[in-house]
Amino acid sequence: MKSNSHTLNWIMDASLFAGFWVASMLDLTGLAVHQWLGLAVGILAGYHLLTHWTWVKSVTQRWSGHTSAQARRFYLIDAGLLAGFSLILLTGLIISTWLDIALIDNAAWYTVHVMVTLVTLALILVKIGVHWRWIVNVGNKMFHPEPRPPKRPLNPQPVPSLVNSERREFLKLMGVVSIAALIAAYSALEVDDSAGANSDSTTSSSQSTPLSESYGESTNSSPSAGCCNRGCSYPGHCRRYVDSNFNGRCDLGECLT
């Protein structure tokens, strides 16, 4: 029974990391999938907390008493992750197309959303680092079960150094998750820079363009190859998003109307 519990926790943790990693790459998923996937990851993180609530409650009650330093470290890391996931979910809902809230500065909210995501991603790496033995051991039992020992002993083989073996396992695990985290961080920062550049370009455009043209009221304006039919709200489905009239909708969709 305990082995099954470890397996389920391992699958849940792996799903959380994979979902968080994919959701961090907006260019890959598109806005609609990003929003649904982010909500799913948030719900799964909440369920993960509930399954470990007994441990959380126990450490909280014994915080000022007999609590090991290791338990305190784990508790603080998990508290940081809880705060991170909560802020990601909150800011994500505020700037989402579902609520479509008219914000004074969409770019600032999106920047906060990205920065909290990056900090949470770093905390996830720390959590993986402190639990690496459990991750490797359970993963090996799941994917590389040990064969039954032979009835008669075979020729004895040299036993590799336990220290060297553990070091290799640690480096392999942290190498894979670190590369994945760097890819996700680069993707998130790239989209954030694009959003900031779009915000700057729309500001300069609104200052140099007559008001009637900014709102698409010019009689000389006509649909062009740059128009699209998505009608995106901030932050849009692609890097072409521009909102010179600050109505929360992409101008490239308004030029068709």
Protein backbone atom coordinates (compact mmCIF):
# COMPACT_ATOMS: atom_id res chain seq x y z
CA MET A 1 0.00 0.00 0.00
CA LYS A 2 2.80 2.41 0.90
CA SER A 3 4.55 1.63 -2.39
CA ASN A 4 1.38 2.54 -4.30
CA SER A 5 1.18 5.80 -2.37
CA HIS A 6 4.74 6.67 -3.36
CA THR A 7 3.99 5.84 -6.98
CA LEU A 8 0.88 8.02 -7.04
CA ASN A 9 2.75 10.91 -5.43
CA TRP A 10 5.57 10.51 -7.96
CA ILE A 11 3.12 10.59 -10.89
CA MET A 12 1.36 13.62 -9.41
CA ASP A 13 4.62 15.51 -8.92
CA ALA A 14 5.83 14.61 -12.42
CA SER A 15 2.50 15.77 -13.88
CA LEU A 16 2.75 19.05 -11.97
CA PHE A 17 6.24 19.73 -13.27
CA ALA A 18 5.35 18.77 -16.85
CA GLY A 19 2.16 20.84 -16.81
CA PHE A 20 3.93 23.85 -15.30
CA TRP A 21 6.74 23.52 -17.85
CA VAL A 22 4.39 23.41 -20.85
CA ALA A 23 2.20 26.21 -19.47
CA SER A 24 5.28 28.44 -19.14
CA MET A 25 5.75 28.40 -22.93
CA LEU A 26 2.95 30.61 -24.23
CA ASP A 27 4.35 30.66 -27.76
CA LEU A 28 4.06 26.88 -27.88
CA THR A 29 0.58 26.45 -26.44
CA GLY A 30 -1.25 29.61 -27.50
CA LEU A 31 -3.32 31.66 -25.09
CA ALA A 32 -6.42 29.45 -24.86
CA VAL A 33 -4.48 26.25 -24.03
CA HIS A 34 -2.18 28.24 -21.71
CA GLN A 35 -5.14 29.46 -19.65
CA TRP A 36 -6.83 26.05 -19.34
CA LEU A 37 -3.55 24.30 -18.62
CA GLY A 38 -2.62 26.90 -16.00
CA LEU A 39 -5.98 26.37 -14.27
CA ALA A 40 -5.50 22.59 -14.35
CA VAL A 41 -2.01 22.89 -12.84
CA GLY A 42 -3.36 25.17 -10.10
CA ILE A 43 -6.11 22.68 -9.23
CA LEU A 44 -3.63 19.80 -9.21
CA ALA A 45 -1.30 21.78 -6.92
CA GLY A 46 -4.23 22.37 -4.55
CA TYR A 47 -5.05 18.66 -4.54
CA HIS A 48 -1.38 17.88 -3.89
CA LEU A 49 -1.52 20.13 -0.81
CA LEU A 50 -4.66 18.38 0.47
CA THR A 51 -3.04 14.95 0.17
CA HIS A 52 -0.16 16.15 2.37
CA TRP A 53 -2.29 18.23 4.72
CA THR A 54 -1.67 15.96 7.71
CA TRP A 55 2.09 16.54 7.44
CA VAL A 56 1.60 20.30 6.94
CA LYS A 57 -0.67 20.54 9.98
CA SER A 58 1.72 18.49 12.10
CA VAL A 59 4.78 20.60 11.27
CA THR A 60 2.80 23.82 11.76
CA GLN A 61 1.71 22.77 15.24
CA ARG A 62 5.22 21.65 16.25
CA TRP A 63 7.07 24.55 14.56
CA SER A 64 8.17 26.16 17.82
CA GLY A 65 8.81 22.84 19.51
CA HIS A 66 10.49 19.58 18.49
CA THR A 67 10.73 19.92 14.71
CA SER A 68 13.74 18.80 12.73
CA ALA A 69 15.73 21.23 10.61
CA GLN A 70 14.95 19.13 7.55
CA ALA A 71 11.20 19.37 8.17
CA ARG A 72 11.51 23.14 8.55
CA ARG A 73 13.36 23.41 5.23
CA PHE A 74 10.75 21.31 3.44
CA TYR A 75 7.97 23.35 5.04
CA LEU A 76 9.45 26.69 3.95
CA ILE A 77 9.99 25.48 0.39
CA ASP A 78 6.41 24.21 0.20
CA ALA A 79 5.11 27.48 1.68
CA GLY A 80 6.97 29.40 -1.03
CA LEU A 81 5.53 27.12 -3.71
CA LEU A 82 2.02 27.59 -2.31
CA ALA A 83 2.43 31.37 -2.43
CA GLY A 84 3.89 31.16 -5.92
CA PHE A 85 1.13 28.99 -7.37
CA SER A 86 -1.51 31.16 -5.70
CA LEU A 87 -0.08 34.38 -7.17
CA ILE A 88 0.32 32.81 -10.61
CA LEU A 89 -3.30 31.68 -10.55
CA LEU A 90 -4.54 35.06 -9.26
CA THR A 91 -2.62 37.24 -11.73
CA GLY A 92 -3.38 34.81 -14.55
CA LEU A 93 -7.12 35.07 -13.90
CA ILE A 94 -6.94 38.87 -13.69
CA ILE A 95 -5.30 39.22 -17.13
CA SER A 96 -7.19 36.29 -18.68
CA THR A 97 -9.60 36.59 -21.58
CA TRP A 98 -12.20 34.83 -19.43
CA LEU A 99 -12.74 37.77 -17.07
CA ASP A 100 -11.67 40.38 -19.66
CA ILE A 101 -11.01 42.99 -16.95
CA ALA A 102 -10.16 46.50 -18.21
CA LEU A 103 -6.84 47.16 -16.45
CA ILE A 104 -4.88 50.41 -16.35
CA ASP A 105 -1.60 48.69 -17.18
CA ASN A 106 -1.97 45.21 -18.66
CA ALA A 107 1.77 44.94 -19.35
CA ALA A 108 2.64 45.48 -15.67
CA TRP A 109 0.24 42.74 -14.55
CA TYR A 110 1.64 40.39 -17.18
CA THR A 111 5.20 41.16 -16.04
CA VAL A 112 4.26 40.30 -12.44
CA HIS A 113 2.68 37.07 -13.70
CA VAL A 114 5.89 36.11 -15.53
CA MET A 115 8.25 37.09 -12.69
CA VAL A 116 6.29 35.07 -10.12
CA THR A 117 6.34 32.15 -12.56
CA LEU A 118 10.14 32.33 -12.80
CA VAL A 119 10.58 32.49 -9.01
CA THR A 120 8.21 29.54 -8.57
CA LEU A 121 10.12 27.62 -11.24
CA ALA A 122 13.34 28.19 -9.28
CA LEU A 123 11.66 26.93 -6.09
CA ILE A 124 10.52 23.82 -7.96
CA LEU A 125 14.15 23.12 -8.86
CA VAL A 126 15.12 23.53 -5.19
CA LYS A 127 12.36 21.12 -4.14
CA ILE A 128 13.50 18.56 -6.72
CA GLY A 129 17.06 18.97 -5.45
CA VAL A 130 16.21 18.25 -1.82
CA HIS A 131 13.98 15.29 -2.71
CA TRP A 132 16.18 13.86 -5.46
CA ARG A 133 16.85 10.52 -3.72
CA TRP A 134 13.14 9.82 -3.32
CA ILE A 135 12.48 10.84 -6.94
CA VAL A 136 15.24 8.60 -8.29
CA ASN A 137 14.40 5.62 -6.09
CA VAL A 138 10.67 5.63 -6.85
CA GLY A 139 11.33 6.29 -10.53
CA ASN A 140 13.73 3.36 -10.74
CA LYS A 141 11.22 1.05 -9.07
CA MET A 142 8.54 2.15 -11.53
CA PHE A 143 10.53 1.97 -14.75
CA HIS A 144 13.40 -0.39 -13.85
CA PRO A 145 12.08 -2.99 -11.40
CA GLU A 146 14.78 -5.18 -9.93
CA PRO A 147 14.84 -8.76 -11.28
CA ARG A 148 14.42 -11.65 -8.91
CA PRO A 149 17.73 -12.85 -7.49
CA PRO A 150 18.99 -16.15 -8.97
CA LYS A 151 18.66 -19.29 -6.88
CA ARG A 152 22.38 -19.97 -7.13
CA PRO A 153 24.91 -17.17 -6.76
CA LEU A 154 26.72 -16.34 -9.98
CA ASN A 155 30.28 -15.16 -10.25
CA PRO A 156 30.64 -12.16 -7.94
CA GLN A 157 30.81 -8.83 -9.74
CA PRO A 158 32.57 -5.73 -8.47
CA VAL A 159 30.15 -3.40 -6.72
CA PRO A 160 30.35 0.20 -7.97
CA SER A 161 31.01 2.91 -5.46
CA LEU A 162 27.74 4.03 -3.83
CA VAL A 163 28.95 7.63 -3.63
CA ASN A 164 29.82 7.79 -7.33
CA SER A 165 26.55 6.14 -8.28
CA GLU A 166 24.50 8.63 -6.24
CA ARG A 167 26.44 11.54 -7.68
CA ARG A 168 25.69 10.38 -11.23
CA GLU A 169 22.00 9.94 -10.45
CA PHE A 170 21.82 13.41 -8.89
CA LEU A 171 23.61 15.07 -11.82
CA LYS A 172 21.42 13.32 -14.38
CA LEU A 173 18.19 14.32 -12.66
CA MET A 174 19.19 17.92 -11.99
CA GLY A 175 20.69 18.26 -15.46
CA VAL A 176 17.43 17.26 -17.16
CA VAL A 177 15.14 19.42 -15.01
CA SER A 178 17.53 22.40 -15.13
CA ILE A 179 17.64 22.34 -18.95
CA ALA A 180 13.84 22.10 -19.02
CA ALA A 181 13.58 25.01 -16.58
CA LEU A 182 15.96 27.16 -18.65
CA ILE A 183 13.91 26.53 -21.79
CA ALA A 184 10.70 27.49 -19.99
CA ALA A 185 12.29 30.59 -18.43
CA TYR A 186 13.70 31.74 -21.77
CA SER A 187 10.31 31.28 -23.43
CA ALA A 188 8.49 33.18 -20.67
CA LEU A 189 10.99 36.06 -20.72
CA GLU A 190 10.87 36.24 -24.51
CA VAL A 191 7.10 36.61 -24.51
CA ASP A 192 7.31 39.18 -21.69
CA ASP A 193 9.85 41.26 -23.63
CA SER A 194 7.59 41.09 -26.66
CA ALA A 195 4.64 42.30 -24.59
CA GLY A 196 6.71 45.18 -23.25
CA ALA A 197 7.88 46.14 -26.73
CA ASN A 198 4.30 46.10 -27.97
CA SER A 199 3.28 48.33 -25.06
CA ASP A 200 6.05 50.84 -25.88
CA SER A 201 5.19 50.85 -29.58
CA THR A 202 1.50 51.44 -28.90
CA THR A 203 2.34 54.38 -26.63
CA SER A 204 4.53 56.08 -29.22
CA SER A 205 1.97 55.32 -31.93
CA SER A 206 -0.84 56.92 -29.94
CA GLN A 207 1.25 60.06 -29.41
CA SER A 208 2.08 60.53 -33.08
CA THR A 209 -1.23 59.44 -34.62
CA PRO A 210 -4.40 61.58 -34.75
CA LEU A 211 -7.13 60.45 -32.39
CA SER A 212 -9.54 59.60 -35.19
CA GLU A 213 -6.97 57.33 -36.84
CA SER A 214 -6.07 55.67 -33.52
CA TYR A 215 -9.68 54.58 -33.07
CA GLY A 216 -9.96 53.39 -36.63
CA GLU A 217 -12.26 56.22 -37.70
CA SER A 218 -10.17 57.45 -40.59
CA THR A 219 -12.04 57.31 -43.88
CA ASN A 220 -8.83 56.36 -45.68
CA SER A 221 -8.21 53.24 -43.61
CA SER A 222 -8.91 49.88 -45.22
CA PRO A 223 -8.26 46.23 -44.41
CA SER A 224 -4.73 45.18 -45.22
CA ALA A 225 -2.65 42.04 -45.18
CA GLY A 226 -1.75 42.83 -41.55
CA CYS A 227 -5.32 42.34 -40.35
CA CYS A 228 -6.51 39.15 -38.72
CA ASN A 229 -9.86 37.77 -37.60
CA ARG A 230 -8.95 36.58 -34.09
CA GLY A 231 -10.03 39.71 -32.24
CA CYS A 232 -7.65 38.95 -29.37
CA SER A 233 -7.77 40.64 -26.00
CA TYR A 234 -4.55 41.25 -24.03
CA PRO A 235 -2.03 39.61 -24.17
CA GLY A 236 -3.20 38.09 -27.45
CA HIS A 237 -2.44 34.80 -29.14
CA CYS A 238 0.79 35.90 -30.84
CA ARG A 239 3.50 38.57 -30.84
CA ARG A 240 1.65 40.73 -33.35
CA TYR A 241 -0.68 41.99 -30.63
CA VAL A 242 -0.95 45.81 -30.64
CA ASP A 243 -3.49 48.03 -28.87
CA SER A 244 -2.95 51.68 -29.81
CA ASN A 245 -6.41 52.79 -28.66
CA PHE A 246 -6.09 51.03 -25.27
CA ASN A 247 -9.42 49.24 -25.46
CA GLY A 248 -7.98 45.85 -24.53
CA ARG A 249 -8.44 44.45 -28.05
CA CYS A 250 -5.88 43.88 -30.78
CA ASP A 251 -5.98 46.59 -33.48
CA LEU A 252 -5.20 44.02 -36.16
CA GLY A 253 -8.63 42.52 -35.62
CA GLU A 254 -10.43 45.88 -35.42
CA CYS A 255 -9.21 46.97 -38.86
CA LEU A 256 -11.55 44.37 -40.41
CA THR A 257 -14.65 45.89 -38.84
